[in-house]
Amino acid sequence: MNNPTPPHRSPRQEDRTHNIVIGQTINPAKMQRAKELRRQMTPEEKILWQHLRGNRLNGLHFRRQQIIDGFIADFYCHAARLVIEVDGKIHEQQAEYDAERDKVLLARGLRLLRIKNEEVKQELDRILMRISQACFEET
């Protein structure tokens, strides 16, 4: 039987050039580490995730612990090409690593938003507004 309507294709299927996962070789150890990080999120990441998951922030889809070019981003919104990093004390000790990582992600055309742990705990509404605005900014 012929189906007169073509199958529905999602925007991701039609625009594979911007899908960061397609074409990446992902190290199995890195994949395992991302899974561990999802299970062991920091308290601040858990707080933020409760507001980002399930398209709760303006209908935007976020992923957590997304592998991009060998790096694991805390949160990633593909539609906005936005990486969100929740920075705790450890980031004070790894400034060079973070700078290299930022350089690689920016070269891929992604935007970065760094948020401090204290901001998540003390100014959550303002942080959610910043994320929302960043998602809808023109690049």
C-alpha atoms as a PDB file:
ATOM      1  CA  MET A   1       0.000   0.000   0.000  1.00  0.00           C
ATOM      2  CA  ASN A   2       1.381   3.410  -0.952  1.00  0.00           C
ATOM      3  CA  ASN A   3       1.580   6.094   1.684  1.00  0.00           C
ATOM      4  CA  PRO A   4       0.745   9.441   0.014  1.00  0.00           C
ATOM      5  CA  THR A   5       2.408  11.532   2.722  1.00  0.00           C
ATOM      6  CA  PRO A   6       6.179  11.461   3.055  1.00  0.00           C
ATOM      7  CA  PRO A   7       7.520  10.429   6.450  1.00  0.00           C
ATOM      8  CA  HIS A   8       7.970  13.329   8.856  1.00  0.00           C
ATOM      9  CA  ARG A   9      11.573  14.367   9.272  1.00  0.00           C
ATOM     10  CA  SER A  10      12.753  16.188  12.337  1.00  0.00           C
ATOM     11  CA  PRO A  11      14.937  19.289  11.960  1.00  0.00           C
ATOM     12  CA  ARG A  12      17.851  17.261  13.315  1.00  0.00           C
ATOM     13  CA  GLN A  13      17.493  14.706  10.540  1.00  0.00           C
ATOM     14  CA  GLU A  14      17.366  17.408   7.900  1.00  0.00           C
ATOM     15  CA  ASP A  15      20.268  19.459   9.243  1.00  0.00           C
ATOM     16  CA  ARG A  16      22.925  16.954  10.199  1.00  0.00           C
ATOM     17  CA  THR A  17      25.774  19.375   9.571  1.00  0.00           C
ATOM     18  CA  HIS A  18      25.115  21.077  12.886  1.00  0.00           C
ATOM     19  CA  ASN A  19      24.485  17.967  14.947  1.00  0.00           C
ATOM     20  CA  ILE A  20      27.556  17.736  17.138  1.00  0.00           C
ATOM     21  CA  VAL A  21      27.157  14.034  17.801  1.00  0.00           C
ATOM     22  CA  ILE A  22      27.147  12.871  14.172  1.00  0.00           C
ATOM     23  CA  GLY A  23      30.608  12.045  12.904  1.00  0.00           C
ATOM     24  CA  GLN A  24      32.304  12.208  16.282  1.00  0.00           C
ATOM     25  CA  THR A  25      34.425   9.325  17.405  1.00  0.00           C
ATOM     26  CA  ILE A  26      33.629   8.969  21.067  1.00  0.00           C
ATOM     27  CA  ASN A  27      36.046   7.197  23.321  1.00  0.00           C
ATOM     28  CA  PRO A  28      34.166   4.488  25.305  1.00  0.00           C
ATOM     29  CA  ALA A  29      35.959   5.580  28.485  1.00  0.00           C
ATOM     30  CA  LYS A  30      34.727   9.157  27.897  1.00  0.00           C
ATOM     31  CA  MET A  31      31.189   7.848  27.360  1.00  0.00           C
ATOM     32  CA  GLN A  32      31.409   5.954  30.644  1.00  0.00           C
ATOM     33  CA  ARG A  33      32.722   9.065  32.414  1.00  0.00           C
ATOM     34  CA  ALA A  34      29.796  11.131  31.086  1.00  0.00           C
ATOM     35  CA  LYS A  35      27.381   8.528  32.462  1.00  0.00           C
ATOM     36  CA  GLU A  36      29.120   8.647  35.842  1.00  0.00           C
ATOM     37  CA  LEU A  37      28.920  12.433  35.893  1.00  0.00           C
ATOM     38  CA  ARG A  38      25.170  12.240  35.200  1.00  0.00           C
ATOM     39  CA  ARG A  39      24.766  10.007  38.243  1.00  0.00           C
ATOM     40  CA  GLN A  40      27.071  12.136  40.401  1.00  0.00           C
ATOM     41  CA  MET A  41      25.982  15.660  39.573  1.00  0.00           C
ATOM     42  CA  THR A  42      26.969  18.396  41.990  1.00  0.00           C
ATOM     43  CA  PRO A  43      24.169  19.865  44.121  1.00  0.00           C
ATOM     44  CA  GLU A  44      24.231  23.006  41.946  1.00  0.00           C
ATOM     45  CA  GLU A  45      24.016  20.984  38.726  1.00  0.00           C
ATOM     46  CA  LYS A  46      21.049  19.082  40.179  1.00  0.00           C
ATOM     47  CA  ILE A  47      19.271  22.335  41.008  1.00  0.00           C
ATOM     48  CA  LEU A  48      19.825  23.720  37.522  1.00  0.00           C
ATOM     49  CA  TRP A  49      18.915  20.434  35.829  1.00  0.00           C
ATOM     50  CA  GLN A  50      15.517  20.442  37.552  1.00  0.00           C
ATOM     51  CA  HIS A  51      14.751  23.675  35.668  1.00  0.00           C
ATOM     52  CA  LEU A  52      16.277  22.686  32.316  1.00  0.00           C
ATOM     53  CA  ARG A  53      15.138  19.074  31.920  1.00  0.00           C
ATOM     54  CA  GLY A  54      12.044  18.082  30.027  1.00  0.00           C
ATOM     55  CA  ASN A  55      12.084  21.280  27.944  1.00  0.00           C
ATOM     56  CA  ARG A  56      11.005  23.243  31.039  1.00  0.00           C
ATOM     57  CA  LEU A  57      12.874  26.405  30.116  1.00  0.00           C
ATOM     58  CA  ASN A  58      10.896  27.995  27.261  1.00  0.00           C
ATOM     59  CA  GLY A  59      10.502  24.649  25.517  1.00  0.00           C
ATOM     60  CA  LEU A  60      14.255  24.351  24.907  1.00  0.00           C
ATOM     61  CA  HIS A  61      15.830  20.899  24.943  1.00  0.00           C
ATOM     62  CA  PHE A  62      18.967  20.559  27.045  1.00  0.00           C
ATOM     63  CA  ARG A  63      21.277  17.590  27.439  1.00  0.00           C
ATOM     64  CA  ARG A  64      23.483  17.047  30.433  1.00  0.00           C
ATOM     65  CA  GLN A  65      27.065  15.826  30.336  1.00  0.00           C
ATOM     66  CA  GLN A  66      27.206  16.089  26.535  1.00  0.00           C
ATOM     67  CA  ILE A  67      30.441  14.958  24.884  1.00  0.00           C
ATOM     68  CA  ILE A  68      31.676  17.511  22.364  1.00  0.00           C
ATOM     69  CA  ASP A  69      35.053  17.065  20.687  1.00  0.00           C
ATOM     70  CA  GLY A  70      36.269  14.913  23.556  1.00  0.00           C
ATOM     71  CA  PHE A  71      35.151  17.349  26.253  1.00  0.00           C
ATOM     72  CA  ILE A  72      32.161  16.814  28.533  1.00  0.00           C
ATOM     73  CA  ALA A  73      29.925  19.870  28.750  1.00  0.00           C
ATOM     74  CA  ASP A  74      27.738  20.213  31.857  1.00  0.00           C
ATOM     75  CA  PHE A  75      24.673  21.213  29.809  1.00  0.00           C
ATOM     76  CA  TYR A  76      24.124  21.716  26.103  1.00  0.00           C
ATOM     77  CA  CYS A  77      21.249  23.178  24.098  1.00  0.00           C
ATOM     78  CA  HIS A  78      21.628  22.112  20.474  1.00  0.00           C
ATOM     79  CA  ALA A  79      18.994  24.486  19.081  1.00  0.00           C
ATOM     80  CA  ALA A  80      20.802  27.486  20.601  1.00  0.00           C
ATOM     81  CA  ARG A  81      24.308  26.019  20.135  1.00  0.00           C
ATOM     82  CA  LEU A  82      24.892  26.930  23.786  1.00  0.00           C
ATOM     83  CA  VAL A  83      27.155  25.176  26.275  1.00  0.00           C
ATOM     84  CA  ILE A  84      26.525  25.891  29.945  1.00  0.00           C
ATOM     85  CA  GLU A  85      29.246  25.228  32.498  1.00  0.00           C
ATOM     86  CA  VAL A  86      28.550  25.301  36.223  1.00  0.00           C
ATOM     87  CA  ASP A  87      31.879  26.221  37.778  1.00  0.00           C
ATOM     88  CA  GLY A  88      32.861  25.201  41.272  1.00  0.00           C
ATOM     89  CA  LYS A  89      36.159  25.504  43.146  1.00  0.00           C
ATOM     90  CA  ILE A  90      37.847  22.917  40.881  1.00  0.00           C
ATOM     91  CA  HIS A  91      37.769  25.374  37.979  1.00  0.00           C
ATOM     92  CA  GLU A  92      40.109  27.709  39.872  1.00  0.00           C
ATOM     93  CA  GLN A  93      42.749  24.955  39.645  1.00  0.00           C
ATOM     94  CA  GLN A  94      42.214  24.062  35.992  1.00  0.00           C
ATOM     95  CA  ALA A  95      42.201  27.430  34.242  1.00  0.00           C
ATOM     96  CA  GLU A  96      44.488  26.236  31.410  1.00  0.00           C
ATOM     97  CA  TYR A  97      42.320  23.194  30.716  1.00  0.00           C
ATOM     98  CA  ASP A  98      39.177  25.340  30.707  1.00  0.00           C
ATOM     99  CA  ALA A  99      40.789  27.867  28.348  1.00  0.00           C
ATOM    100  CA  GLU A 100      41.770  25.125  25.874  1.00  0.00           C
ATOM    101  CA  ARG A 101      38.328  23.591  26.109  1.00  0.00           C
ATOM    102  CA  ASP A 102      36.627  26.948  25.541  1.00  0.00           C
ATOM    103  CA  LYS A 103      38.850  27.565  22.516  1.00  0.00           C
ATOM    104  CA  VAL A 104      37.859  24.223  20.939  1.00  0.00           C
ATOM    105  CA  LEU A 105      34.150  24.742  21.603  1.00  0.00           C
ATOM    106  CA  LEU A 106      34.180  28.316  20.312  1.00  0.00           C
ATOM    107  CA  ALA A 107      36.013  27.178  17.161  1.00  0.00           C
ATOM    108  CA  ARG A 108      33.123  24.778  16.568  1.00  0.00           C
ATOM    109  CA  GLY A 109      30.764  27.772  16.560  1.00  0.00           C
ATOM    110  CA  LEU A 110      29.288  27.090  19.980  1.00  0.00           C
ATOM    111  CA  ARG A 111      28.612  29.743  22.576  1.00  0.00           C
ATOM    112  CA  LEU A 112      29.584  29.367  26.222  1.00  0.00           C
ATOM    113  CA  LEU A 113      27.898  30.496  29.390  1.00  0.00           C
ATOM    114  CA  ARG A 114      29.807  30.006  32.630  1.00  0.00           C
ATOM    115  CA  ILE A 115      27.855  30.099  35.865  1.00  0.00           C
ATOM    116  CA  LYS A 116      29.337  29.928  39.335  1.00  0.00           C
ATOM    117  CA  ASN A 117      27.980  27.477  41.903  1.00  0.00           C
ATOM    118  CA  GLU A 118      27.130  30.376  44.213  1.00  0.00           C
ATOM    119  CA  GLU A 119      25.012  32.001  41.509  1.00  0.00           C
ATOM    120  CA  VAL A 120      22.909  28.843  41.121  1.00  0.00           C
ATOM    121  CA  LYS A 121      22.322  28.680  44.882  1.00  0.00           C
ATOM    122  CA  GLN A 122      21.715  32.378  45.487  1.00  0.00           C
ATOM    123  CA  GLU A 123      20.329  33.816  42.243  1.00  0.00           C
ATOM    124  CA  LEU A 124      18.568  30.978  40.427  1.00  0.00           C
ATOM    125  CA  ASP A 125      15.846  33.123  38.843  1.00  0.00           C
ATOM    126  CA  ARG A 126      18.441  35.533  37.424  1.00  0.00           C
ATOM    127  CA  ILE A 127      20.527  32.598  36.117  1.00  0.00           C
ATOM    128  CA  LEU A 128      17.510  31.044  34.393  1.00  0.00           C
ATOM    129  CA  MET A 129      16.780  34.406  32.781  1.00  0.00           C
ATOM    130  CA  ARG A 130      20.412  34.667  31.603  1.00  0.00           C
ATOM    131  CA  ILE A 131      20.249  31.177  30.098  1.00  0.00           C
ATOM    132  CA  SER A 132      16.962  31.932  28.383  1.00  0.00           C
ATOM    133  CA  GLN A 133      18.280  35.191  26.946  1.00  0.00           C
ATOM    134  CA  ALA A 134      21.489  33.501  25.764  1.00  0.00           C
ATOM    135  CA  CYS A 135      19.459  30.825  23.983  1.00  0.00           C
ATOM    136  CA  PHE A 136      17.489  33.368  22.001  1.00  0.00           C
ATOM    137  CA  GLU A 137      20.366  35.746  21.181  1.00  0.00           C
ATOM    138  CA  GLU A 138      21.367  35.956  17.556  1.00  0.00           C
ATOM    139  CA  THR A 139      24.896  34.820  16.886  1.00  0.00           C
END
